[in-house]
Amino acid sequence: MSVIDKRRILAAIVMIGCVCVAMVVMTAYAAEIRCENNALIAKNKALQGEVDTLDVKIKTANNVDHIEKVAKSKLGMVYPTSDNCVYLKDSDTPRRNFAAVIRREAYN
């Protein structure tokens, strides 16, 4: 075997070694990225759970029955009676009980 053949074989072995080392490094990098991706997916699921919980809380808080309960218990609000309404003109006075109309409109 000549010196040139030995150099070619040595160069080929070095090239194959470099390719193998590069493959190991890229595989490790891909595994690290996969691990980070899985962590982000887990965080995303947790945040989605929180969003769903907040959506339920918002829908519950926007419920007319809940709003009425809070208005009555915490704020002391009550529906007006016909005696509590003041009209600027006699023609503005409704034919029906205005408080009952407001209550009916709130639940429809």
PDB file of N, CA and C in Angstrom:
ATOM      1  N   MET A   1       0.849  -1.159   0.000  1.00  0.00           N
ATOM      2  CA  MET A   1       0.000   0.000   0.000  1.00  0.00           C
ATOM      3  C   MET A   1       0.901   1.231   0.000  1.00  0.00           C
ATOM      4  N   SER A   2       0.530   2.157  -0.837  1.00  0.00           N
ATOM      5  CA  SER A   2       1.373   3.341  -0.973  1.00  0.00           C
ATOM      6  C   SER A   2       0.978   4.402   0.055  1.00  0.00           C
ATOM      7  N   VAL A   3       1.788   5.404   0.138  1.00  0.00           N
ATOM      8  CA  VAL A   3       1.576   6.505   1.087  1.00  0.00           C
ATOM      9  C   VAL A   3       0.302   7.266   0.717  1.00  0.00           C
ATOM     10  N   ILE A   4       0.053   7.421  -0.552  1.00  0.00           N
ATOM     11  CA  ILE A   4      -1.145   8.160  -1.001  1.00  0.00           C
ATOM     12  C   ILE A   4      -2.402   7.401  -0.592  1.00  0.00           C
ATOM     13  N   ASP A   5      -2.383   6.077  -0.715  1.00  0.00           N
ATOM     14  CA  ASP A   5      -3.532   5.277  -0.307  1.00  0.00           C
ATOM     15  C   ASP A   5      -3.762   5.380   1.201  1.00  0.00           C
ATOM     16  N   LYS A   6      -2.673   5.380   1.974  1.00  0.00           N
ATOM     17  CA  LYS A   6      -2.797   5.510   3.420  1.00  0.00           C
ATOM     18  C   LYS A   6      -3.396   6.864   3.803  1.00  0.00           C
ATOM     19  N   ARG A   7      -2.985   7.908   3.082  1.00  0.00           N
ATOM     20  CA  ARG A   7      -3.532   9.252   3.353  1.00  0.00           C
ATOM     21  C   ARG A   7      -5.010   9.303   2.995  1.00  0.00           C
ATOM     22  N   ARG A   8      -5.390   8.691   1.907  1.00  0.00           N
ATOM     23  CA  ARG A   8      -6.806   8.676   1.496  1.00  0.00           C
ATOM     24  C   ARG A   8      -7.638   7.921   2.533  1.00  0.00           C
ATOM     25  N   ILE A   9      -7.146   6.805   2.985  1.00  0.00           N
ATOM     26  CA  ILE A   9      -7.860   6.025   3.990  1.00  0.00           C
ATOM     27  C   ILE A   9      -7.961   6.824   5.286  1.00  0.00           C
ATOM     28  N   LEU A  10      -6.897   7.459   5.685  1.00  0.00           N
ATOM     29  CA  LEU A  10      -6.906   8.283   6.892  1.00  0.00           C
ATOM     30  C   LEU A  10      -7.884   9.457   6.741  1.00  0.00           C
ATOM     31  N   ALA A  11      -7.888  10.097   5.575  1.00  0.00           N
ATOM     32  CA  ALA A  11      -8.812  11.219   5.329  1.00  0.00           C
ATOM     33  C   ALA A  11     -10.257  10.726   5.357  1.00  0.00           C
ATOM     34  N   ALA A  12     -10.501   9.548   4.775  1.00  0.00           N
ATOM     35  CA  ALA A  12     -11.858   8.995   4.778  1.00  0.00           C
ATOM     36  C   ALA A  12     -12.304   8.689   6.200  1.00  0.00           C
ATOM     37  N   ILE A  13     -11.420   8.130   7.022  1.00  0.00           N
ATOM     38  CA  ILE A  13     -11.756   7.812   8.407  1.00  0.00           C
ATOM     39  C   ILE A  13     -12.051   9.094   9.193  1.00  0.00           C
ATOM     40  N   VAL A  14     -11.262  10.132   8.967  1.00  0.00           N
ATOM     41  CA  VAL A  14     -11.492  11.418   9.640  1.00  0.00           C
ATOM     42  C   VAL A  14     -12.828  12.013   9.208  1.00  0.00           C
ATOM     43  N   MET A  15     -13.135  11.941   7.920  1.00  0.00           N
ATOM     44  CA  MET A  15     -14.408  12.480   7.410  1.00  0.00           C
ATOM     45  C   MET A  15     -15.585  11.707   8.017  1.00  0.00           C
ATOM     46  N   ILE A  16     -15.485  10.390   8.040  1.00  0.00           N
ATOM     47  CA  ILE A  16     -16.553   9.574   8.620  1.00  0.00           C
ATOM     48  C   ILE A  16     -16.700   9.888  10.102  1.00  0.00           C
ATOM     49  N   GLY A  17     -15.597  10.075  10.808  1.00  0.00           N
ATOM     50  CA  GLY A  17     -15.642  10.452  12.226  1.00  0.00           C
ATOM     51  C   GLY A  17     -16.325  11.798  12.435  1.00  0.00           C
ATOM     52  N   CYS A  18     -16.013  12.762  11.569  1.00  0.00           N
ATOM     53  CA  CYS A  18     -16.642  14.093  11.673  1.00  0.00           C
ATOM     54  C   CYS A  18     -18.143  14.005  11.417  1.00  0.00           C
ATOM     55  N   VAL A  19     -18.522  13.212  10.430  1.00  0.00           N
ATOM     56  CA  VAL A  19     -19.954  13.048  10.125  1.00  0.00           C
ATOM     57  C   VAL A  19     -20.661  12.392  11.305  1.00  0.00           C
ATOM     58  N   CYS A  20     -20.038  11.378  11.908  1.00  0.00           N
ATOM     59  CA  CYS A  20     -20.649  10.707  13.072  1.00  0.00           C
ATOM     60  C   CYS A  20     -20.783  11.665  14.250  1.00  0.00           C
ATOM     61  N   VAL A  21     -19.751  12.461  14.516  1.00  0.00           N
ATOM     62  CA  VAL A  21     -19.821  13.435  15.604  1.00  0.00           C
ATOM     63  C   VAL A  21     -20.908  14.462  15.320  1.00  0.00           C
ATOM     64  N   ALA A  22     -21.012  14.915  14.073  1.00  0.00           N
ATOM     65  CA  ALA A  22     -22.054  15.882  13.700  1.00  0.00           C
ATOM     66  C   ALA A  22     -23.436  15.276  13.893  1.00  0.00           C
ATOM     67  N   MET A  23     -23.602  14.014  13.540  1.00  0.00           N
ATOM     68  CA  MET A  23     -24.897  13.355  13.720  1.00  0.00           C
ATOM     69  C   MET A  23     -25.263  13.259  15.199  1.00  0.00           C
ATOM     70  N   VAL A  24     -24.293  12.941  16.036  1.00  0.00           N
ATOM     71  CA  VAL A  24     -24.552  12.852  17.486  1.00  0.00           C
ATOM     72  C   VAL A  24     -24.945  14.222  18.035  1.00  0.00           C
ATOM     73  N   VAL A  25     -24.236  15.257  17.606  1.00  0.00           N
ATOM     74  CA  VAL A  25     -24.544  16.622  18.080  1.00  0.00           C
ATOM     75  C   VAL A  25     -25.931  17.037  17.616  1.00  0.00           C
ATOM     76  N   MET A  26     -26.275  16.784  16.368  1.00  0.00           N
ATOM     77  CA  MET A  26     -27.595  17.161  15.852  1.00  0.00           C
ATOM     78  C   MET A  26     -28.707  16.363  16.533  1.00  0.00           C
ATOM     79  N   THR A  27     -28.463  15.100  16.826  1.00  0.00           N
ATOM     80  CA  THR A  27     -29.461  14.294  17.531  1.00  0.00           C
ATOM     81  C   THR A  27     -29.680  14.825  18.945  1.00  0.00           C
ATOM     82  N   ALA A  28     -28.613  15.218  19.614  1.00  0.00           N
ATOM     83  CA  ALA A  28     -28.734  15.790  20.960  1.00  0.00           C
ATOM     84  C   ALA A  28     -29.489  17.117  20.911  1.00  0.00           C
ATOM     85  N   TYR A  29     -29.204  17.926  19.906  1.00  0.00           N
ATOM     86  CA  TYR A  29     -29.892  19.213  19.755  1.00  0.00           C
ATOM     87  C   TYR A  29     -31.378  18.989  19.467  1.00  0.00           C
ATOM     88  N   ALA A  30     -31.689  18.008  18.614  1.00  0.00           N
ATOM     89  CA  ALA A  30     -33.091  17.694  18.308  1.00  0.00           C
ATOM     90  C   ALA A  30     -33.816  17.207  19.556  1.00  0.00           C
ATOM     91  N   ALA A  31     -33.156  16.412  20.375  1.00  0.00           N
ATOM     92  CA  ALA A  31     -33.769  15.925  21.616  1.00  0.00           C
ATOM     93  C   ALA A  31     -34.033  17.083  22.580  1.00  0.00           C
ATOM     94  N   GLU A  32     -33.100  18.012  22.644  1.00  0.00           N
ATOM     95  CA  GLU A  32     -33.279  19.182  23.517  1.00  0.00           C
ATOM     96  C   GLU A  32     -34.463  20.020  23.044  1.00  0.00           C
ATOM     97  N   ILE A  33     -34.560  20.217  21.743  1.00  0.00           N
ATOM     98  CA  ILE A  33     -35.683  20.994  21.195  1.00  0.00           C
ATOM     99  C   ILE A  33     -37.001  20.262  21.442  1.00  0.00           C
ATOM    100  N   ARG A  34     -37.007  18.944  21.290  1.00  0.00           N
ATOM    101  CA  ARG A  34     -38.207  18.153  21.541  1.00  0.00           C
ATOM    102  C   ARG A  34     -38.630  18.274  22.997  1.00  0.00           C
ATOM    103  N   CYS A  35     -37.669  18.270  23.896  1.00  0.00           N
ATOM    104  CA  CYS A  35     -37.953  18.414  25.334  1.00  0.00           C
ATOM    105  C   CYS A  35     -38.560  19.790  25.634  1.00  0.00           C
ATOM    106  N   GLU A  36     -37.987  20.833  25.062  1.00  0.00           N
ATOM    107  CA  GLU A  36     -38.530  22.185  25.238  1.00  0.00           C
ATOM    108  C   GLU A  36     -39.944  22.279  24.659  1.00  0.00           C
ATOM    109  N   ASN A  37     -40.149  21.646  23.510  1.00  0.00           N
ATOM    110  CA  ASN A  37     -41.462  21.657  22.876  1.00  0.00           C
ATOM    111  C   ASN A  37     -42.496  20.968  23.763  1.00  0.00           C
ATOM    112  N   ASN A  38     -42.129  19.833  24.352  1.00  0.00           N
ATOM    113  CA  ASN A  38     -43.045  19.128  25.253  1.00  0.00           C
ATOM    114  C   ASN A  38     -43.367  19.968  26.481  1.00  0.00           C
ATOM    115  N   ALA A  39     -42.374  20.690  27.000  1.00  0.00           N
ATOM    116  CA  ALA A  39     -42.614  21.573  28.153  1.00  0.00           C
ATOM    117  C   ALA A  39     -43.573  22.694  27.773  1.00  0.00           C
ATOM    118  N   LEU A  40     -43.401  23.260  26.588  1.00  0.00           N
ATOM    119  CA  LEU A  40     -44.291  24.327  26.139  1.00  0.00           C
ATOM    120  C   LEU A  40     -45.707  23.809  25.908  1.00  0.00           C
ATOM    121  N   ILE A  41     -45.822  22.591  25.399  1.00  0.00           N
ATOM    122  CA  ILE A  41     -47.145  21.996  25.201  1.00  0.00           C
ATOM    123  C   ILE A  41     -47.834  21.805  26.549  1.00  0.00           C
ATOM    124  N   ALA A  42     -47.089  21.356  27.547  1.00  0.00           N
ATOM    125  CA  ALA A  42     -47.658  21.177  28.891  1.00  0.00           C
ATOM    126  C   ALA A  42     -48.108  22.515  29.477  1.00  0.00           C
ATOM    127  N   LYS A  43     -47.283  23.552  29.323  1.00  0.00           N
ATOM    128  CA  LYS A  43     -47.667  24.885  29.811  1.00  0.00           C
ATOM    129  C   LYS A  43     -48.904  25.392  29.081  1.00  0.00           C
ATOM    130  N   ASN A  44     -48.958  25.131  27.776  1.00  0.00           N
ATOM    131  CA  ASN A  44     -50.094  25.562  26.971  1.00  0.00           C
ATOM    132  C   ASN A  44     -51.376  24.889  27.449  1.00  0.00           C
ATOM    133  N   LYS A  45     -51.307  23.597  27.772  1.00  0.00           N
ATOM    134  CA  LYS A  45     -52.484  22.891  28.280  1.00  0.00           C
ATOM    135  C   LYS A  45     -52.922  23.470  29.617  1.00  0.00           C
ATOM    136  N   ALA A  46     -51.965  23.787  30.477  1.00  0.00           N
ATOM    137  CA  ALA A  46     -52.306  24.377  31.777  1.00  0.00           C
ATOM    138  C   ALA A  46     -52.962  25.738  31.591  1.00  0.00           C
ATOM    139  N   LEU A  47     -52.405  26.552  30.701  1.00  0.00           N
ATOM    140  CA  LEU A  47     -52.990  27.873  30.444  1.00  0.00           C
ATOM    141  C   LEU A  47     -54.372  27.749  29.815  1.00  0.00           C
ATOM    142  N   GLN A  48     -54.556  26.771  28.934  1.00  0.00           N
ATOM    143  CA  GLN A  48     -55.868  26.574  28.325  1.00  0.00           C
ATOM    144  C   GLN A  48     -56.891  26.182  29.389  1.00  0.00           C
ATOM    145  N   GLY A  49     -56.459  25.376  30.362  1.00  0.00           N
ATOM    146  CA  GLY A  49     -57.340  25.033  31.474  1.00  0.00           C
ATOM    147  C   GLY A  49     -57.742  26.268  32.271  1.00  0.00           C
ATOM    148  N   GLU A  50     -56.792  27.156  32.514  1.00  0.00           N
ATOM    149  CA  GLU A  50     -57.096  28.402  33.226  1.00  0.00           C
ATOM    150  C   GLU A  50     -58.052  29.275  32.418  1.00  0.00           C
ATOM    151  N   VAL A  51     -57.834  29.338  31.113  1.00  0.00           N
ATOM    152  CA  VAL A  51     -58.716  30.131  30.249  1.00  0.00           C
ATOM    153  C   VAL A  51     -60.135  29.569  30.292  1.00  0.00           C
ATOM    154  N   ASP A  52     -60.256  28.244  30.226  1.00  0.00           N
ATOM    155  CA  ASP A  52     -61.577  27.625  30.288  1.00  0.00           C
ATOM    156  C   ASP A  52     -62.254  27.907  31.622  1.00  0.00           C
ATOM    157  N   THR A  53     -61.489  27.852  32.707  1.00  0.00           N
ATOM    158  CA  THR A  53     -62.038  28.153  34.028  1.00  0.00           C
ATOM    159  C   THR A  53     -62.513  29.601  34.101  1.00  0.00           C
ATOM    160  N   LEU A  54     -61.708  30.513  33.561  1.00  0.00           N
ATOM    161  CA  LEU A  54     -62.102  31.935  33.572  1.00  0.00           C
ATOM    162  C   LEU A  54     -63.320  32.180  32.691  1.00  0.00           C
ATOM    163  N   ASP A  55     -63.435  31.458  31.572  1.00  0.00           N
ATOM    164  CA  ASP A  55     -64.626  31.588  30.724  1.00  0.00           C
ATOM    165  C   ASP A  55     -65.880  31.199  31.488  1.00  0.00           C
ATOM    166  N   VAL A  56     -65.790  30.109  32.244  1.00  0.00           N
ATOM    167  CA  VAL A  56     -66.938  29.669  33.039  1.00  0.00           C
ATOM    168  C   VAL A  56     -67.274  30.710  34.097  1.00  0.00           C
ATOM    169  N   LYS A  57     -66.238  31.256  34.754  1.00  0.00           N
ATOM    170  CA  LYS A  57     -66.475  32.279  35.782  1.00  0.00           C
ATOM    171  C   LYS A  57     -67.112  33.529  35.179  1.00  0.00           C
ATOM    172  N   ILE A  58     -66.662  33.912  33.980  1.00  0.00           N
ATOM    173  CA  ILE A  58     -67.237  35.099  33.319  1.00  0.00           C
ATOM    174  C   ILE A  58     -68.698  34.852  32.970  1.00  0.00           C
ATOM    175  N   LYS A  59     -68.983  33.673  32.416  1.00  0.00           N
ATOM    176  CA  LYS A  59     -70.378  33.366  32.061  1.00  0.00           C
ATOM    177  C   LYS A  59     -71.261  33.330  33.297  1.00  0.00           C
ATOM    178  N   THR A  60     -70.716  32.809  34.393  1.00  0.00           N
ATOM    179  CA  THR A  60     -71.481  32.772  35.635  1.00  0.00           C
ATOM    180  C   THR A  60     -71.714  34.188  36.164  1.00  0.00           C
ATOM    181  N   ALA A  61     -70.688  35.020  36.106  1.00  0.00           N
ATOM    182  CA  ALA A  61     -70.805  36.391  36.618  1.00  0.00           C
ATOM    183  C   ALA A  61     -71.722  37.244  35.755  1.00  0.00           C
ATOM    184  N   ASN A  62     -71.816  36.930  34.453  1.00  0.00           N
ATOM    185  CA  ASN A  62     -72.672  37.708  33.551  1.00  0.00           C
ATOM    186  C   ASN A  62     -74.108  37.208  33.540  1.00  0.00           C
ATOM    187  N   ASN A  63     -74.397  36.169  34.294  1.00  0.00           N
ATOM    188  CA  ASN A  63     -75.739  35.631  34.365  1.00  0.00           C
ATOM    189  C   ASN A  63     -76.651  36.648  35.056  1.00  0.00           C
ATOM    190  N   VAL A  64     -77.845  36.850  34.521  1.00  0.00           N
ATOM    191  CA  VAL A  64     -78.775  37.843  35.063  1.00  0.00           C
ATOM    192  C   VAL A  64     -79.154  37.504  36.498  1.00  0.00           C
ATOM    193  N   ASP A  65     -79.361  36.225  36.785  1.00  0.00           N
ATOM    194  CA  ASP A  65     -79.717  35.837  38.160  1.00  0.00           C
ATOM    195  C   ASP A  65     -78.598  36.187  39.136  1.00  0.00           C
ATOM    196  N   HIS A  66     -77.362  35.962  38.742  1.00  0.00           N
ATOM    197  CA  HIS A  66     -76.220  36.281  39.610  1.00  0.00           C
ATOM    198  C   HIS A  66     -76.107  37.792  39.812  1.00  0.00           C
ATOM    199  N   ILE A  67     -76.274  38.533  38.742  1.00  0.00           N
ATOM    200  CA  ILE A  67     -76.190  39.996  38.838  1.00  0.00           C
ATOM    201  C   ILE A  67     -77.282  40.526  39.758  1.00  0.00           C
ATOM    202  N   GLU A  68     -78.483  39.984  39.610  1.00  0.00           N
ATOM    203  CA  GLU A  68     -79.584  40.426  40.465  1.00  0.00           C
ATOM    204  C   GLU A  68     -79.308  40.075  41.926  1.00  0.00           C
ATOM    205  N   LYS A  69     -78.776  38.877  42.174  1.00  0.00           N
ATOM    206  CA  LYS A  69     -78.472  38.450  43.545  1.00  0.00           C
ATOM    207  C   LYS A  69     -77.430  39.363  44.182  1.00  0.00           C
ATOM    208  N   VAL A  70     -76.369  39.695  43.429  1.00  0.00           N
ATOM    209  CA  VAL A  70     -75.330  40.586  43.950  1.00  0.00           C
ATOM    210  C   VAL A  70     -75.895  41.982  44.173  1.00  0.00           C
ATOM    211  N   ALA A  71     -76.711  42.455  43.245  1.00  0.00           N
ATOM    212  CA  ALA A  71     -77.288  43.791  43.379  1.00  0.00           C
ATOM    213  C   ALA A  71     -78.167  43.886  44.626  1.00  0.00           C
ATOM    214  N   LYS A  72     -78.930  42.830  44.872  1.00  0.00           N
ATOM    215  CA  LYS A  72     -79.817  42.864  46.043  1.00  0.00           C
ATOM    216  C   LYS A  72     -79.054  42.666  47.349  1.00  0.00           C
ATOM    217  N   SER A  73     -78.141  41.668  47.384  1.00  0.00           N
ATOM    218  CA  SER A  73     -77.492  41.336  48.658  1.00  0.00           C
ATOM    219  C   SER A  73     -76.358  42.298  49.017  1.00  0.00           C
ATOM    220  N   LYS A  74     -75.493  42.598  48.081  1.00  0.00           N
ATOM    221  CA  LYS A  74     -74.320  43.428  48.404  1.00  0.00           C
ATOM    222  C   LYS A  74     -74.583  44.919  48.248  1.00  0.00           C
ATOM    223  N   LEU A  75     -75.381  45.292  47.264  1.00  0.00           N
ATOM    224  CA  LEU A  75     -75.581  46.714  47.000  1.00  0.00           C
ATOM    225  C   LEU A  75     -76.911  47.239  47.539  1.00  0.00           C
ATOM    226  N   GLY A  76     -77.772  46.342  48.000  1.00  0.00           N
ATOM    227  CA  GLY A  76     -79.044  46.778  48.571  1.00  0.00           C
ATOM    228  C   GLY A  76     -80.008  47.325  47.544  1.00  0.00           C
ATOM    229  N   MET A  77     -79.866  46.936  46.310  1.00  0.00           N
ATOM    230  CA  MET A  77     -80.743  47.440  45.249  1.00  0.00           C
ATOM    231  C   MET A  77     -82.046  46.648  45.222  1.00  0.00           C
ATOM    232  N   VAL A  78     -83.116  47.316  44.852  1.00  0.00           N
ATOM    233  CA  VAL A  78     -84.425  46.670  44.695  1.00  0.00           C
ATOM    234  C   VAL A  78     -85.061  47.196  43.423  1.00  0.00           C
ATOM    235  N   TYR A  79     -86.027  46.438  42.909  1.00  0.00           N
ATOM    236  CA  TYR A  79     -86.752  46.917  41.738  1.00  0.00           C
ATOM    237  C   TYR A  79     -87.637  48.093  42.148  1.00  0.00           C
ATOM    238  N   PRO A  80     -87.767  49.072  41.278  1.00  0.00           N
ATOM    239  CA  PRO A  80     -88.616  50.213  41.636  1.00  0.00           C
ATOM    240  C   PRO A  80     -90.094  49.826  41.586  1.00  0.00           C
ATOM    241  N   THR A  81     -90.846  50.478  42.405  1.00  0.00           N
ATOM    242  CA  THR A  81     -92.306  50.309  42.342  1.00  0.00           C
ATOM    243  C   THR A  81     -92.856  51.467  41.535  1.00  0.00           C
ATOM    244  N   SER A  82     -94.118  51.391  41.240  1.00  0.00           N
ATOM    245  CA  SER A  82     -94.713  52.475  40.449  1.00  0.00           C
ATOM    246  C   SER A  82     -94.688  53.790  41.223  1.00  0.00           C
ATOM    247  N   ASP A  83     -94.611  53.717  42.553  1.00  0.00           N
ATOM    248  CA  ASP A  83     -94.546  54.938  43.364  1.00  0.00           C
ATOM    249  C   ASP A  83     -93.173  55.608  43.271  1.00  0.00           C
ATOM    250  N   ASN A  84     -92.111  54.837  42.902  1.00  0.00           N
ATOM    251  CA  ASN A  84     -90.760  55.376  42.824  1.00  0.00           C
ATOM    252  C   ASN A  84     -90.454  56.047  41.493  1.00  0.00           C
ATOM    253  N   CYS A  85     -91.315  55.906  40.521  1.00  0.00           N
ATOM    254  CA  CYS A  85     -91.057  56.465  39.188  1.00  0.00           C
ATOM    255  C   CYS A  85     -91.637  57.874  39.093  1.00  0.00           C
ATOM    256  N   VAL A  86     -90.854  58.767  38.501  1.00  0.00           N
ATOM    257  CA  VAL A  86     -91.287  60.149  38.303  1.00  0.00           C
ATOM    258  C   VAL A  86     -91.305  60.405  36.798  1.00  0.00           C
ATOM    259  N   TYR A  87     -92.416  60.954  36.299  1.00  0.00           N
ATOM    260  CA  TYR A  87     -92.564  61.225  34.871  1.00  0.00           C
ATOM    261  C   TYR A  87     -92.648  62.723  34.658  1.00  0.00           C
ATOM    262  N   LEU A  88     -92.053  63.180  33.588  1.00  0.00           N
ATOM    263  CA  LEU A  88     -92.034  64.609  33.299  1.00  0.00           C
ATOM    264  C   LEU A  88     -93.390  65.095  32.817  1.00  0.00           C
ATOM    265  N   LYS A  89     -94.074  64.273  32.048  1.00  0.00           N
ATOM    266  CA  LYS A  89     -95.407  64.632  31.561  1.00  0.00           C
ATOM    267  C   LYS A  89     -96.367  63.509  31.909  1.00  0.00           C
ATOM    268  N   ASP A  90     -97.597  63.857  32.022  1.00  0.00           N
ATOM    269  CA  ASP A  90     -98.596  62.820  32.299  1.00  0.00           C
ATOM    270  C   ASP A  90     -98.711  61.846  31.137  1.00  0.00           C
ATOM    271  N   SER A  91     -98.405  62.316  29.922  1.00  0.00           N
ATOM    272  CA  SER A  91     -98.499  61.427  28.755  1.00  0.00           C
ATOM    273  C   SER A  91     -97.381  60.375  28.751  1.00  0.00           C
ATOM    274  N   ASP A  92     -96.309  60.606  29.529  1.00  0.00           N
ATOM    275  CA  ASP A  92     -95.212  59.633  29.614  1.00  0.00           C
ATOM    276  C   ASP A  92     -95.534  58.459  30.533  1.00  0.00           C
ATOM    277  N   THR A  93     -96.559  58.607  31.356  1.00  0.00           N
ATOM    278  CA  THR A  93     -96.905  57.554  32.307  1.00  0.00           C
ATOM    279  C   THR A  93     -97.357  56.315  31.531  1.00  0.00           C
ATOM    280  N   PRO A  94     -96.723  55.168  31.788  1.00  0.00           N
ATOM    281  CA  PRO A  94     -97.115  53.951  31.063  1.00  0.00           C
ATOM    282  C   PRO A  94     -98.465  53.434  31.548  1.00  0.00           C
ATOM    283  N   ARG A  95     -99.137  52.723  30.663  1.00  0.00           N
ATOM    284  CA  ARG A  95    -100.448  52.183  31.029  1.00  0.00           C
ATOM    285  C   ARG A  95    -100.300  51.018  31.997  1.00  0.00           C
ATOM    286  N   ARG A  96     -99.161  50.283  31.879  1.00  0.00           N
ATOM    287  CA  ARG A  96     -98.921  49.145  32.770  1.00  0.00           C
ATOM    288  C   ARG A  96     -97.914  49.555  33.839  1.00  0.00           C
ATOM    289  N   ASN A  97     -97.700  48.676  34.779  1.00  0.00           N
ATOM    290  CA  ASN A  97     -96.734  48.907  35.843  1.00  0.00           C
ATOM    291  C   ASN A  97     -95.333  48.928  35.226  1.00  0.00           C
ATOM    292  N   PHE A  98     -94.663  50.059  35.276  1.00  0.00           N
ATOM    293  CA  PHE A  98     -93.349  50.228  34.637  1.00  0.00           C
ATOM    294  C   PHE A  98     -92.297  49.307  35.261  1.00  0.00           C
ATOM    295  N   ALA A  99     -92.338  49.116  36.561  1.00  0.00           N
ATOM    296  CA  ALA A  99     -91.369  48.246  37.240  1.00  0.00           C
ATOM    297  C   ALA A  99     -91.523  46.801  36.769  1.00  0.00           C
ATOM    298  N   ALA A 100     -92.760  46.367  36.571  1.00  0.00           N
ATOM    299  CA  ALA A 100     -92.990  45.004  36.087  1.00  0.00           C
ATOM    300  C   ALA A 100     -92.483  44.850  34.662  1.00  0.00           C
ATOM    301  N   VAL A 101     -92.633  45.885  33.868  1.00  0.00           N
ATOM    302  CA  VAL A 101     -92.133  45.845  32.487  1.00  0.00           C
ATOM    303  C   VAL A 101     -90.613  45.737  32.474  1.00  0.00           C
ATOM    304  N   ILE A 102     -89.943  46.502  33.324  1.00  0.00           N
ATOM    305  CA  ILE A 102     -88.473  46.444  33.404  1.00  0.00           C
ATOM    306  C   ILE A 102     -88.022  45.057  33.839  1.00  0.00           C
ATOM    307  N   ARG A 103     -88.694  44.500  34.840  1.00  0.00           N
ATOM    308  CA  ARG A 103     -88.328  43.167  35.327  1.00  0.00           C
ATOM    309  C   ARG A 103     -88.524  42.125  34.232  1.00  0.00           C
ATOM    310  N   ARG A 104     -89.609  42.194  33.496  1.00  0.00           N
ATOM    311  CA  ARG A 104     -89.894  41.252  32.422  1.00  0.00           C
ATOM    312  C   ARG A 104     -88.854  41.379  31.304  1.00  0.00           C
ATOM    313  N   GLU A 105     -88.460  42.605  30.995  1.00  0.00           N
ATOM    314  CA  GLU A 105     -87.455  42.841  29.940  1.00  0.00           C
ATOM    315  C   GLU A 105     -86.087  42.322  30.366  1.00  0.00           C
ATOM    316  N   ALA A 106     -85.774  42.363  31.646  1.00  0.00           N
ATOM    317  CA  ALA A 106     -84.477  41.908  32.128  1.00  0.00           C
ATOM    318  C   ALA A 106     -84.310  40.400  31.969  1.00  0.00           C
ATOM    319  N   TYR A 107     -85.413  39.683  32.045  1.00  0.00           N
ATOM    320  CA  TYR A 107     -85.331  38.216  31.967  1.00  0.00           C
ATOM    321  C   TYR A 107     -85.617  37.685  30.572  1.00  0.00           C
ATOM    322  N   ASN A 108     -85.841  38.534  29.615  1.00  0.00           N
ATOM    323  CA  ASN A 108     -86.080  38.067  28.224  1.00  0.00           C
ATOM    324  C   ASN A 108     -84.948  38.356  27.336  1.00  0.00           C
TER     325      ASN A 108
END
